[in-house]
Amino acid sequence: MLPKTPSPPYYAVIFSSKRNDGDKEAYDNMAIRMVRLASEQEGYLSHESYRDDNGFGVTVSYWKDLESISKWKKHVEHREAQRKGKSDWYGEYQLRIAKVERDYMFGK
């Protein structure tokens, strides 16, 4: 199912990463917790995520505004997940923030 978003403008946080061989169970548990916690934050709209068999993944979260993104980045539990990501789970990652000015869909 495609994520639900409002009419633009809104923002997308695009997190591309390459997982290493760190503790998969701990990673999966933290990922579930972060999705739940992010969805409780003011300004959160939705997200979508994908990871392939080689460990490459992309998560896109959608937010109302830049202030909401900034608050989420600074959230104490999210900061801990970021720290664990750098030390235990990711070989590399890249984060991009983009303003969505237009969107359209197709579906039957």
Protein backbone atom coordinates (compact mmCIF):
# COMPACT_ATOMS: atom_id res chain seq x y z
CA MET A 1 0.00 0.00 0.00
CA LEU A 2 1.26 3.46 -0.87
CA PRO A 3 1.65 5.94 2.00
CA LYS A 4 -1.02 8.56 2.53
CA THR A 5 0.18 12.15 2.33
CA PRO A 6 -1.65 15.47 2.26
CA SER A 7 -1.66 17.87 -0.63
CA PRO A 8 1.78 19.44 -1.08
CA PRO A 9 3.83 21.12 0.11
CA TYR A 10 5.31 18.77 2.70
CA TYR A 11 8.77 17.29 3.27
CA ALA A 12 10.42 13.94 2.64
CA VAL A 13 13.36 12.63 4.66
CA ILE A 14 15.15 10.06 2.48
CA PHE A 15 17.42 7.72 4.44
CA SER A 16 19.50 5.39 2.24
CA SER A 17 21.67 2.86 4.05
CA LYS A 18 23.83 -0.22 3.73
CA ARG A 19 23.43 -2.61 6.68
CA ASN A 20 26.42 -4.46 8.04
CA ASP A 21 26.32 -7.83 9.81
CA GLY A 22 25.46 -6.37 13.22
CA ASP A 23 22.79 -7.87 15.49
CA LYS A 24 19.76 -8.23 13.18
CA GLU A 25 17.26 -8.87 15.97
CA ALA A 26 18.32 -5.76 17.90
CA TYR A 27 18.20 -3.75 14.67
CA ASP A 28 14.73 -5.01 13.76
CA ASN A 29 13.43 -4.24 17.25
CA MET A 30 14.87 -0.73 17.14
CA ALA A 31 13.43 -0.14 13.65
CA ILE A 32 9.96 -1.16 14.85
CA ARG A 33 10.31 1.14 17.86
CA MET A 34 11.44 4.08 15.71
CA VAL A 35 8.50 3.71 13.32
CA ARG A 36 6.08 3.65 16.24
CA LEU A 37 7.78 6.59 17.95
CA ALA A 38 8.06 8.68 14.78
CA SER A 39 4.37 8.16 14.05
CA GLU A 40 3.57 9.72 17.44
CA GLN A 41 5.50 12.92 16.68
CA GLU A 42 3.80 16.16 15.78
CA GLY A 43 4.15 16.77 12.05
CA TYR A 44 4.70 13.11 11.06
CA LEU A 45 2.62 12.16 8.02
CA SER A 46 3.66 8.64 6.95
CA HIS A 47 6.59 6.58 5.74
CA GLU A 48 7.63 3.81 3.36
CA SER A 49 10.63 1.52 3.56
CA TYR A 50 12.50 -1.13 1.56
CA ARG A 51 15.59 -3.27 2.15
CA ASP A 52 17.04 -5.78 -0.33
CA ASP A 53 18.83 -9.09 0.34
CA ASN A 54 22.23 -7.36 0.09
CA GLY A 55 21.46 -4.98 2.96
CA PHE A 56 20.76 -1.85 0.88
CA GLY A 57 17.69 -0.01 2.09
CA VAL A 58 15.74 3.19 1.67
CA THR A 59 13.26 4.65 4.14
CA VAL A 60 11.33 7.76 3.23
CA SER A 61 9.42 9.51 5.97
CA TYR A 62 7.03 12.35 5.23
CA TRP A 63 6.68 15.38 7.46
CA LYS A 64 4.54 18.51 7.64
CA ASP A 65 7.45 20.93 8.00
CA LEU A 66 11.17 21.35 8.70
CA GLU A 67 10.56 22.12 12.37
CA SER A 68 8.95 18.68 12.86
CA ILE A 69 11.93 17.02 11.16
CA SER A 70 14.35 18.92 13.39
CA LYS A 71 12.48 17.91 16.56
CA TRP A 72 12.46 14.28 15.46
CA LYS A 73 16.20 14.36 14.78
CA LYS A 74 16.78 15.59 18.34
CA HIS A 75 14.38 13.17 20.08
CA VAL A 76 16.28 11.35 22.84
CA GLU A 77 15.33 7.80 21.75
CA HIS A 78 15.97 8.63 18.11
CA ARG A 79 19.41 9.98 19.08
CA GLU A 80 20.18 6.62 20.71
CA ALA A 81 19.07 4.78 17.54
CA GLN A 82 21.33 7.07 15.50
CA ARG A 83 24.27 6.30 17.79
CA LYS A 84 23.65 2.53 17.57
CA GLY A 85 23.28 2.81 13.80
CA LYS A 86 26.72 4.37 13.46
CA SER A 87 28.42 2.00 15.89
CA ASP A 88 26.63 -1.31 15.18
CA TRP A 89 24.30 -1.49 12.20
CA TYR A 90 25.34 0.60 9.19
CA GLY A 91 28.40 0.38 7.00
CA GLU A 92 27.29 3.65 5.42
CA TYR A 93 24.24 5.83 5.03
CA GLN A 94 23.08 9.05 3.43
CA LEU A 95 20.22 11.29 4.47
CA ARG A 96 18.48 13.80 2.23
CA ILE A 97 15.66 16.20 3.00
CA ALA A 98 13.48 17.33 0.12
CA LYS A 99 10.46 19.58 -0.19
CA VAL A 100 7.62 17.88 -2.04
CA GLU A 101 6.00 20.52 -4.21
CA ARG A 102 3.92 18.26 -6.40
CA ASP A 103 2.63 14.69 -6.28
CA TYR A 104 0.23 12.60 -8.29
CA MET A 105 -0.91 9.00 -8.30
CA PHE A 106 -2.20 6.26 -10.52
CA GLY A 107 -4.20 3.32 -9.29
CA LYS A 108 -6.93 0.96 -10.41
